[in-house]
Amino acid sequence: MALTSSVFPVLPQQPILLVCTSASNSQRLDIDWLLAKLRSLVKPGIQIMCIDESTHPEVVRSFGFTSFPGCVLLQQGFELWRYAGPIDYAVLST
């Protein structure tokens, strides 16, 4: 029996901002501050998730980041935006 769309109603998917971090604990405070700042800046409809390389290495590797933190904005499986590398915390703190 084939599944029909009436079995699984179409649900709007909100964008997800994945923030991938390295396994290094030395950046933990910076990442925590960055996540808090992002949550205050982005629209309430955007879900923010932090993915740690030590906990989920396969997920982080799948995005091919060469520097951290790495951020990717996804919606319904499509990549809308990407950034990797150092964050200018001075700009974000204003």
PDB file of N, CA and C in Angstrom:
ATOM      1  N   MET A   1       0.849  -1.187   0.000  1.00  0.00           N
ATOM      2  CA  MET A   1       0.000   0.000   0.000  1.00  0.00           C
ATOM      3  C   MET A   1       0.885   1.238   0.000  1.00  0.00           C
ATOM      4  N   ALA A   2       0.671   2.105  -0.926  1.00  0.00           N
ATOM      5  CA  ALA A   2       1.457   3.342  -1.030  1.00  0.00           C
ATOM      6  C   ALA A   2       0.918   4.377  -0.054  1.00  0.00           C
ATOM      7  N   LEU A   3       1.852   5.139   0.540  1.00  0.00           N
ATOM      8  CA  LEU A   3       1.452   6.207   1.441  1.00  0.00           C
ATOM      9  C   LEU A   3       0.985   7.402   0.634  1.00  0.00           C
ATOM     10  N   THR A   4      -0.067   8.017   1.078  1.00  0.00           N
ATOM     11  CA  THR A   4      -0.589   9.191   0.392  1.00  0.00           C
ATOM     12  C   THR A   4      -0.319  10.415   1.235  1.00  0.00           C
ATOM     13  N   SER A   5      -0.462  11.561   0.619  1.00  0.00           N
ATOM     14  CA  SER A   5      -0.215  12.804   1.344  1.00  0.00           C
ATOM     15  C   SER A   5      -1.238  13.017   2.459  1.00  0.00           C
ATOM     16  N   SER A   6      -2.391  12.373   2.371  1.00  0.00           N
ATOM     17  CA  SER A   6      -3.392  12.541   3.423  1.00  0.00           C
ATOM     18  C   SER A   6      -2.965  11.838   4.715  1.00  0.00           C
ATOM     19  N   VAL A   7      -2.060  10.851   4.594  1.00  0.00           N
ATOM     20  CA  VAL A   7      -1.576  10.163   5.788  1.00  0.00           C
ATOM     21  C   VAL A   7      -0.607  11.059   6.552  1.00  0.00           C
ATOM     22  N   PHE A   8       0.245  11.749   5.805  1.00  0.00           N
ATOM     23  CA  PHE A   8       1.214  12.650   6.416  1.00  0.00           C
ATOM     24  C   PHE A   8       0.935  14.067   5.934  1.00  0.00           C
ATOM     25  N   PRO A   9       0.236  14.842   6.742  1.00  0.00           N
ATOM     26  CA  PRO A   9      -0.082  16.201   6.305  1.00  0.00           C
ATOM     27  C   PRO A   9       1.198  17.012   6.097  1.00  0.00           C
ATOM     28  N   VAL A  10       1.132  17.941   5.176  1.00  0.00           N
ATOM     29  CA  VAL A  10       2.280  18.803   4.900  1.00  0.00           C
ATOM     30  C   VAL A  10       2.429  19.783   6.056  1.00  0.00           C
ATOM     31  N   LEU A  11       3.584  19.723   6.689  1.00  0.00           N
ATOM     32  CA  LEU A  11       3.861  20.621   7.798  1.00  0.00           C
ATOM     33  C   LEU A  11       4.907  21.633   7.366  1.00  0.00           C
ATOM     34  N   PRO A  12       4.672  22.899   7.636  1.00  0.00           N
ATOM     35  CA  PRO A  12       5.693  23.880   7.278  1.00  0.00           C
ATOM     36  C   PRO A  12       6.945  23.640   8.122  1.00  0.00           C
ATOM     37  N   GLN A  13       8.080  23.645   7.479  1.00  0.00           N
ATOM     38  CA  GLN A  13       9.331  23.445   8.201  1.00  0.00           C
ATOM     39  C   GLN A  13      10.025  24.782   8.379  1.00  0.00           C
ATOM     40  N   GLN A  14      10.347  25.085   9.623  1.00  0.00           N
ATOM     41  CA  GLN A  14      11.041  26.328   9.891  1.00  0.00           C
ATOM     42  C   GLN A  14      12.523  26.161   9.549  1.00  0.00           C
ATOM     43  N   PRO A  15      13.187  27.254   9.204  1.00  0.00           N
ATOM     44  CA  PRO A  15      14.614  27.175   8.929  1.00  0.00           C
ATOM     45  C   PRO A  15      15.379  26.728  10.171  1.00  0.00           C
ATOM     46  N   ILE A  16      16.497  26.061   9.944  1.00  0.00           N
ATOM     47  CA  ILE A  16      17.359  25.593  11.025  1.00  0.00           C
ATOM     48  C   ILE A  16      18.747  26.138  10.780  1.00  0.00           C
ATOM     49  N   LEU A  17      19.306  26.793  11.784  1.00  0.00           N
ATOM     50  CA  LEU A  17      20.684  27.258  11.725  1.00  0.00           C
ATOM     51  C   LEU A  17      21.527  26.277  12.520  1.00  0.00           C
ATOM     52  N   LEU A  18      22.374  25.516  11.816  1.00  0.00           N
ATOM     53  CA  LEU A  18      23.277  24.592  12.480  1.00  0.00           C
ATOM     54  C   LEU A  18      24.589  25.310  12.735  1.00  0.00           C
ATOM     55  N   VAL A  19      25.054  25.258  13.978  1.00  0.00           N
ATOM     56  CA  VAL A  19      26.338  25.829  14.335  1.00  0.00           C
ATOM     57  C   VAL A  19      27.234  24.661  14.719  1.00  0.00           C
ATOM     58  N   CYS A  20      28.187  24.354  13.847  1.00  0.00           N
ATOM     59  CA  CYS A  20      29.095  23.231  14.072  1.00  0.00           C
ATOM     60  C   CYS A  20      30.359  23.744  14.759  1.00  0.00           C
ATOM     61  N   THR A  21      30.755  23.048  15.817  1.00  0.00           N
ATOM     62  CA  THR A  21      31.921  23.471  16.589  1.00  0.00           C
ATOM     63  C   THR A  21      32.967  22.372  16.606  1.00  0.00           C
ATOM     64  N   SER A  22      34.195  22.765  16.901  1.00  0.00           N
ATOM     65  CA  SER A  22      35.289  21.801  16.973  1.00  0.00           C
ATOM     66  C   SER A  22      35.223  21.039  18.292  1.00  0.00           C
ATOM     67  N   ALA A  23      36.048  20.031  18.388  1.00  0.00           N
ATOM     68  CA  ALA A  23      36.095  19.214  19.599  1.00  0.00           C
ATOM     69  C   ALA A  23      36.812  19.937  20.731  1.00  0.00           C
ATOM     70  N   SER A  24      37.400  21.082  20.450  1.00  0.00           N
ATOM     71  CA  SER A  24      38.171  21.824  21.447  1.00  0.00           C
ATOM     72  C   SER A  24      37.267  22.471  22.490  1.00  0.00           C
ATOM     73  N   ASN A  25      37.579  22.250  23.744  1.00  0.00           N
ATOM     74  CA  ASN A  25      36.815  22.878  24.825  1.00  0.00           C
ATOM     75  C   ASN A  25      37.263  24.307  25.080  1.00  0.00           C
ATOM     76  N   SER A  26      38.399  24.714  24.496  1.00  0.00           N
ATOM     77  CA  SER A  26      38.920  26.059  24.740  1.00  0.00           C
ATOM     78  C   SER A  26      37.998  27.136  24.176  1.00  0.00           C
ATOM     79  N   GLN A  27      37.198  26.803  23.172  1.00  0.00           N
ATOM     80  CA  GLN A  27      36.288  27.768  22.568  1.00  0.00           C
ATOM     81  C   GLN A  27      34.874  27.687  23.126  1.00  0.00           C
ATOM     82  N   ARG A  28      34.659  26.869  24.122  1.00  0.00           N
ATOM     83  CA  ARG A  28      33.304  26.620  24.634  1.00  0.00           C
ATOM     84  C   ARG A  28      32.601  27.902  25.090  1.00  0.00           C
ATOM     85  N   LEU A  29      33.288  28.778  25.839  1.00  0.00           N
ATOM     86  CA  LEU A  29      32.657  30.012  26.308  1.00  0.00           C
ATOM     87  C   LEU A  29      32.306  30.925  25.140  1.00  0.00           C
ATOM     88  N   ASP A  30      33.202  31.000  24.149  1.00  0.00           N
ATOM     89  CA  ASP A  30      32.919  31.819  22.975  1.00  0.00           C
ATOM     90  C   ASP A  30      31.712  31.289  22.219  1.00  0.00           C
ATOM     91  N   ILE A  31      31.625  29.987  22.071  1.00  0.00           N
ATOM     92  CA  ILE A  31      30.502  29.378  21.352  1.00  0.00           C
ATOM     93  C   ILE A  31      29.197  29.589  22.114  1.00  0.00           C
ATOM     94  N   ASP A  32      29.238  29.430  23.437  1.00  0.00           N
ATOM     95  CA  ASP A  32      28.027  29.655  24.239  1.00  0.00           C
ATOM     96  C   ASP A  32      27.555  31.102  24.096  1.00  0.00           C
ATOM     97  N   TRP A  33      28.507  32.055  24.099  1.00  0.00           N
ATOM     98  CA  TRP A  33      28.153  33.464  23.931  1.00  0.00           C
ATOM     99  C   TRP A  33      27.578  33.684  22.539  1.00  0.00           C
ATOM    100  N   LEU A  34      28.216  33.075  21.527  1.00  0.00           N
ATOM    101  CA  LEU A  34      27.745  33.212  20.148  1.00  0.00           C
ATOM    102  C   LEU A  34      26.322  32.683  19.996  1.00  0.00           C
ATOM    103  N   LEU A  35      26.038  31.527  20.568  1.00  0.00           N
ATOM    104  CA  LEU A  35      24.692  30.952  20.482  1.00  0.00           C
ATOM    105  C   LEU A  35      23.660  31.853  21.141  1.00  0.00           C
ATOM    106  N   ALA A  36      23.995  32.392  22.299  1.00  0.00           N
ATOM    107  CA  ALA A  36      23.066  33.298  22.986  1.00  0.00           C
ATOM    108  C   ALA A  36      22.823  34.551  22.151  1.00  0.00           C
ATOM    109  N   LYS A  37      23.880  35.085  21.554  1.00  0.00           N
ATOM    110  CA  LYS A  37      23.741  36.292  20.730  1.00  0.00           C
ATOM    111  C   LYS A  37      22.915  35.995  19.476  1.00  0.00           C
ATOM    112  N   LEU A  38      23.173  34.859  18.838  1.00  0.00           N
ATOM    113  CA  LEU A  38      22.401  34.489  17.651  1.00  0.00           C
ATOM    114  C   LEU A  38      20.924  34.350  17.983  1.00  0.00           C
ATOM    115  N   ARG A  39      20.631  33.747  19.121  1.00  0.00           N
ATOM    116  CA  ARG A  39      19.220  33.570  19.513  1.00  0.00           C
ATOM    117  C   ARG A  39      18.523  34.913  19.721  1.00  0.00           C
ATOM    118  N   SER A  40      19.282  35.922  20.142  1.00  0.00           N
ATOM    119  CA  SER A  40      18.679  37.241  20.341  1.00  0.00           C
ATOM    120  C   SER A  40      18.555  38.017  19.031  1.00  0.00           C
ATOM    121  N   LEU A  41      19.333  37.637  18.006  1.00  0.00           N
ATOM    122  CA  LEU A  41      19.337  38.376  16.748  1.00  0.00           C
ATOM    123  C   LEU A  41      18.423  37.796  15.680  1.00  0.00           C
ATOM    124  N   VAL A  42      18.290  36.487  15.627  1.00  0.00           N
ATOM    125  CA  VAL A  42      17.546  35.871  14.528  1.00  0.00           C
ATOM    126  C   VAL A  42      16.054  35.868  14.815  1.00  0.00           C
ATOM    127  N   LYS A  43      15.301  35.686  13.759  1.00  0.00           N
ATOM    128  CA  LYS A  43      13.848  35.637  13.885  1.00  0.00           C
ATOM    129  C   LYS A  43      13.449  34.469  14.776  1.00  0.00           C
ATOM    130  N   PRO A  44      12.365  34.621  15.536  1.00  0.00           N
ATOM    131  CA  PRO A  44      11.923  33.523  16.412  1.00  0.00           C
ATOM    132  C   PRO A  44      11.608  32.239  15.642  1.00  0.00           C
ATOM    133  N   GLY A  45      11.318  32.335  14.362  1.00  0.00           N
ATOM    134  CA  GLY A  45      10.979  31.159  13.582  1.00  0.00           C
ATOM    135  C   GLY A  45      12.167  30.328  13.137  1.00  0.00           C
ATOM    136  N   ILE A  46      13.378  30.767  13.463  1.00  0.00           N
ATOM    137  CA  ILE A  46      14.574  30.019  13.076  1.00  0.00           C
ATOM    138  C   ILE A  46      15.062  29.224  14.278  1.00  0.00           C
ATOM    139  N   GLN A  47      15.154  27.932  14.100  1.00  0.00           N
ATOM    140  CA  GLN A  47      15.650  27.058  15.167  1.00  0.00           C
ATOM    141  C   GLN A  47      17.177  27.023  15.082  1.00  0.00           C
ATOM    142  N   ILE A  48      17.852  27.143  16.218  1.00  0.00           N
ATOM    143  CA  ILE A  48      19.313  27.108  16.260  1.00  0.00           C
ATOM    144  C   ILE A  48      19.745  25.845  16.984  1.00  0.00           C
ATOM    145  N   MET A  49      20.635  25.099  16.319  1.00  0.00           N
ATOM    146  CA  MET A  49      21.148  23.863  16.911  1.00  0.00           C
ATOM    147  C   MET A  49      22.669  23.887  16.866  1.00  0.00           C
ATOM    148  N   CYS A  50      23.286  23.482  17.956  1.00  0.00           N
ATOM    149  CA  CYS A  50      24.738  23.389  18.022  1.00  0.00           C
ATOM    150  C   CYS A  50      25.138  21.919  17.881  1.00  0.00           C
ATOM    151  N   ILE A  51      26.051  21.653  16.946  1.00  0.00           N
ATOM    152  CA  ILE A  51      26.532  20.296  16.702  1.00  0.00           C
ATOM    153  C   ILE A  51      28.020  20.272  17.028  1.00  0.00           C
ATOM    154  N   ASP A  52      28.396  19.485  18.020  1.00  0.00           N
ATOM    155  CA  ASP A  52      29.786  19.386  18.446  1.00  0.00           C
ATOM    156  C   ASP A  52      30.487  18.260  17.685  1.00  0.00           C
ATOM    157  N   GLU A  53      31.669  18.566  17.172  1.00  0.00           N
ATOM    158  CA  GLU A  53      32.428  17.599  16.390  1.00  0.00           C
ATOM    159  C   GLU A  53      32.772  16.343  17.184  1.00  0.00           C
ATOM    160  N   SER A  54      32.982  16.490  18.487  1.00  0.00           N
ATOM    161  CA  SER A  54      33.338  15.320  19.297  1.00  0.00           C
ATOM    162  C   SER A  54      32.143  14.412  19.546  1.00  0.00           C
ATOM    163  N   THR A  55      30.954  14.970  19.559  1.00  0.00           N
ATOM    164  CA  THR A  55      29.744  14.189  19.798  1.00  0.00           C
ATOM    165  C   THR A  55      29.174  13.599  18.509  1.00  0.00           C
ATOM    166  N   HIS A  56      29.176  14.387  17.442  1.00  0.00           N
ATOM    167  CA  HIS A  56      28.593  13.971  16.161  1.00  0.00           C
ATOM    168  C   HIS A  56      29.562  14.256  15.014  1.00  0.00           C
ATOM    169  N   PRO A  57      30.713  13.579  14.990  1.00  0.00           N
ATOM    170  CA  PRO A  57      31.712  13.881  13.955  1.00  0.00           C
ATOM    171  C   PRO A  57      31.213  13.653  12.524  1.00  0.00           C
ATOM    172  N   GLU A  58      30.359  12.659  12.328  1.00  0.00           N
ATOM    173  CA  GLU A  58      29.872  12.376  10.983  1.00  0.00           C
ATOM    174  C   GLU A  58      28.983  13.485  10.443  1.00  0.00           C
ATOM    175  N   VAL A  59      28.218  14.112  11.322  1.00  0.00           N
ATOM    176  CA  VAL A  59      27.351  15.215  10.898  1.00  0.00           C
ATOM    177  C   VAL A  59      28.204  16.415  10.513  1.00  0.00           C
ATOM    178  N   VAL A  60      29.174  16.755  11.361  1.00  0.00           N
ATOM    179  CA  VAL A  60      30.038  17.902  11.089  1.00  0.00           C
ATOM    180  C   VAL A  60      30.823  17.663   9.798  1.00  0.00           C
ATOM    181  N   ARG A  61      31.374  16.471   9.629  1.00  0.00           N
ATOM    182  CA  ARG A  61      32.132  16.144   8.412  1.00  0.00           C
ATOM    183  C   ARG A  61      31.265  16.229   7.166  1.00  0.00           C
ATOM    184  N   SER A  62      29.990  15.880   7.286  1.00  0.00           N
ATOM    185  CA  SER A  62      29.107  15.879   6.115  1.00  0.00           C
ATOM    186  C   SER A  62      28.943  17.276   5.510  1.00  0.00           C
ATOM    187  N   PHE A  63      29.169  18.318   6.279  1.00  0.00           N
ATOM    188  CA  PHE A  63      29.061  19.683   5.772  1.00  0.00           C
ATOM    189  C   PHE A  63      30.386  20.210   5.229  1.00  0.00           C
ATOM    190  N   GLY A  64      31.473  19.481   5.443  1.00  0.00           N
ATOM    191  CA  GLY A  64      32.760  19.832   4.854  1.00  0.00           C
ATOM    192  C   GLY A  64      33.402  21.097   5.377  1.00  0.00           C
ATOM    193  N   PHE A  65      33.140  21.459   6.618  1.00  0.00           N
ATOM    194  CA  PHE A  65      33.765  22.652   7.172  1.00  0.00           C
ATOM    195  C   PHE A  65      35.259  22.437   7.353  1.00  0.00           C
ATOM    196  N   THR A  66      36.048  23.450   6.982  1.00  0.00           N
ATOM    197  CA  THR A  66      37.495  23.376   7.159  1.00  0.00           C
ATOM    198  C   THR A  66      37.963  24.246   8.315  1.00  0.00           C
ATOM    199  N   SER A  67      37.085  25.108   8.823  1.00  0.00           N
ATOM    200  CA  SER A  67      37.393  25.910  10.003  1.00  0.00           C
ATOM    201  C   SER A  67      36.112  26.069  10.827  1.00  0.00           C
ATOM    202  N   PHE A  68      36.313  26.389  12.100  1.00  0.00           N
ATOM    203  CA  PHE A  68      35.183  26.475  13.028  1.00  0.00           C
ATOM    204  C   PHE A  68      35.146  27.825  13.708  1.00  0.00           C
ATOM    205  N   PRO A  69      33.976  28.259  14.168  1.00  0.00           N
ATOM    206  CA  PRO A  69      32.700  27.570  14.012  1.00  0.00           C
ATOM    207  C   PRO A  69      32.226  27.616  12.567  1.00  0.00           C
ATOM    208  N   GLY A  70      31.431  26.649  12.232  1.00  0.00           N
ATOM    209  CA  GLY A  70      30.821  26.596  10.912  1.00  0.00           C
ATOM    210  C   GLY A  70      29.309  26.713  11.063  1.00  0.00           C
ATOM    211  N   CYS A  71      28.715  27.577  10.284  1.00  0.00           N
ATOM    212  CA  CYS A  71      27.270  27.791  10.362  1.00  0.00           C
ATOM    213  C   CYS A  71      26.647  27.510   9.006  1.00  0.00           C
ATOM    214  N   VAL A  72      25.515  26.867   9.028  1.00  0.00           N
ATOM    215  CA  VAL A  72      24.774  26.620   7.794  1.00  0.00           C
ATOM    216  C   VAL A  72      23.285  26.768   8.098  1.00  0.00           C
ATOM    217  N   LEU A  73      22.600  27.526   7.243  1.00  0.00           N
ATOM    218  CA  LEU A  73      21.163  27.742   7.390  1.00  0.00           C
ATOM    219  C   LEU A  73      20.455  26.841   6.386  1.00  0.00           C
ATOM    220  N   LEU A  74      19.583  25.991   6.901  1.00  0.00           N
ATOM    221  CA  LEU A  74      18.876  25.007   6.075  1.00  0.00           C
ATOM    222  C   LEU A  74      17.368  25.214   6.187  1.00  0.00           C
ATOM    223  N   GLN A  75      16.693  24.952   5.079  1.00  0.00           N
ATOM    224  CA  GLN A  75      15.232  24.912   5.117  1.00  0.00           C
ATOM    225  C   GLN A  75      14.768  23.840   4.147  1.00  0.00           C
ATOM    226  N   GLN A  76      14.021  22.907   4.672  1.00  0.00           N
ATOM    227  CA  GLN A  76      13.488  21.777   3.918  1.00  0.00           C
ATOM    228  C   GLN A  76      14.587  21.068   3.120  1.00  0.00           C
ATOM    229  N   GLY A  77      15.754  20.914   3.745  1.00  0.00           N
ATOM    230  CA  GLY A  77      16.853  20.188   3.129  1.00  0.00           C
ATOM    231  C   GLY A  77      17.715  20.999   2.179  1.00  0.00           C
ATOM    232  N   PHE A  78      17.370  22.241   1.952  1.00  0.00           N
ATOM    233  CA  PHE A  78      18.142  23.089   1.049  1.00  0.00           C
ATOM    234  C   PHE A  78      19.007  24.059   1.851  1.00  0.00           C
ATOM    235  N   GLU A  79      20.244  24.211   1.411  1.00  0.00           N
ATOM    236  CA  GLU A  79      21.163  25.130   2.068  1.00  0.00           C
ATOM    237  C   GLU A  79      20.900  26.538   1.556  1.00  0.00           C
ATOM    238  N   LEU A  80      20.593  27.446   2.492  1.00  0.00           N
ATOM    239  CA  LEU A  80      20.304  28.832   2.135  1.00  0.00           C
ATOM    240  C   LEU A  80      21.502  29.748   2.327  1.00  0.00           C
ATOM    241  N   TRP A  81      22.358  29.408   3.288  1.00  0.00           N
ATOM    242  CA  TRP A  81      23.488  30.283   3.634  1.00  0.00           C
ATOM    243  C   TRP A  81      24.511  29.457   4.378  1.00  0.00           C
ATOM    244  N   ARG A  82      25.783  29.855   4.279  1.00  0.00           N
ATOM    245  CA  ARG A  82      26.873  29.137   4.946  1.00  0.00           C
ATOM    246  C   ARG A  82      27.969  30.125   5.326  1.00  0.00           C
ATOM    247  N   TYR A  83      28.587  29.873   6.474  1.00  0.00           N
ATOM    248  CA  TYR A  83      29.751  30.650   6.919  1.00  0.00           C
ATOM    249  C   TYR A  83      30.629  29.740   7.763  1.00  0.00           C
ATOM    250  N   ALA A  84      31.935  29.880   7.596  1.00  0.00           N
ATOM    251  CA  ALA A  84      32.875  29.134   8.427  1.00  0.00           C
ATOM    252  C   ALA A  84      34.071  30.016   8.709  1.00  0.00           C
ATOM    253  N   GLY A  85      34.558  29.943   9.933  1.00  0.00           N
ATOM    254  CA  GLY A  85      35.757  30.688  10.282  1.00  0.00           C
ATOM    255  C   GLY A  85      35.570  31.538  11.514  1.00  0.00           C
ATOM    256  N   PRO A  86      36.563  32.361  11.777  1.00  0.00           N
ATOM    257  CA  PRO A  86      36.519  33.197  12.975  1.00  0.00           C
ATOM    258  C   PRO A  86      35.320  34.145  12.969  1.00  0.00           C
ATOM    259  N   ILE A  87      34.825  34.399  14.139  1.00  0.00           N
ATOM    260  CA  ILE A  87      33.694  35.312  14.318  1.00  0.00           C
ATOM    261  C   ILE A  87      34.235  36.623  14.886  1.00  0.00           C
ATOM    262  N   ASP A  88      33.778  37.736  14.342  1.00  0.00           N
ATOM    263  CA  ASP A  88      34.152  39.054  14.867  1.00  0.00           C
ATOM    264  C   ASP A  88      33.187  39.383  16.003  1.00  0.00           C
ATOM    265  N   TYR A  89      33.563  39.003  17.211  1.00  0.00           N
ATOM    266  CA  TYR A  89      32.678  39.186  18.360  1.00  0.00           C
ATOM    267  C   TYR A  89      32.422  40.656  18.674  1.00  0.00           C
ATOM    268  N   ALA A  90      33.377  41.515  18.325  1.00  0.00           N
ATOM    269  CA  ALA A  90      33.189  42.958  18.559  1.00  0.00           C
ATOM    270  C   ALA A  90      32.009  43.479  17.747  1.00  0.00           C
ATOM    271  N   VAL A  91      31.862  43.018  16.514  1.00  0.00           N
ATOM    272  CA  VAL A  91      30.745  43.447  15.672  1.00  0.00           C
ATOM    273  C   VAL A  91      29.431  42.920  16.216  1.00  0.00           C
ATOM    274  N   LEU A  92      29.414  41.677  16.670  1.00  0.00           N
ATOM    275  CA  LEU A  92      28.185  41.082  17.192  1.00  0.00           C
ATOM    276  C   LEU A  92      27.752  41.698  18.530  1.00  0.00           C
ATOM    277  N   SER A  93      28.699  42.202  19.293  1.00  0.00           N
ATOM    278  CA  SER A  93      28.351  42.709  20.630  1.00  0.00           C
ATOM    279  C   SER A  93      27.717  44.093  20.583  1.00  0.00           C
ATOM    280  N   THR A  94      27.683  44.735  19.421  1.00  0.00           N
ATOM    281  CA  THR A  94      27.075  46.063  19.342  1.00  0.00           C
ATOM    282  C   THR A  94      25.618  45.975  19.008  1.00  0.00           C
TER     283      THR A  94
END
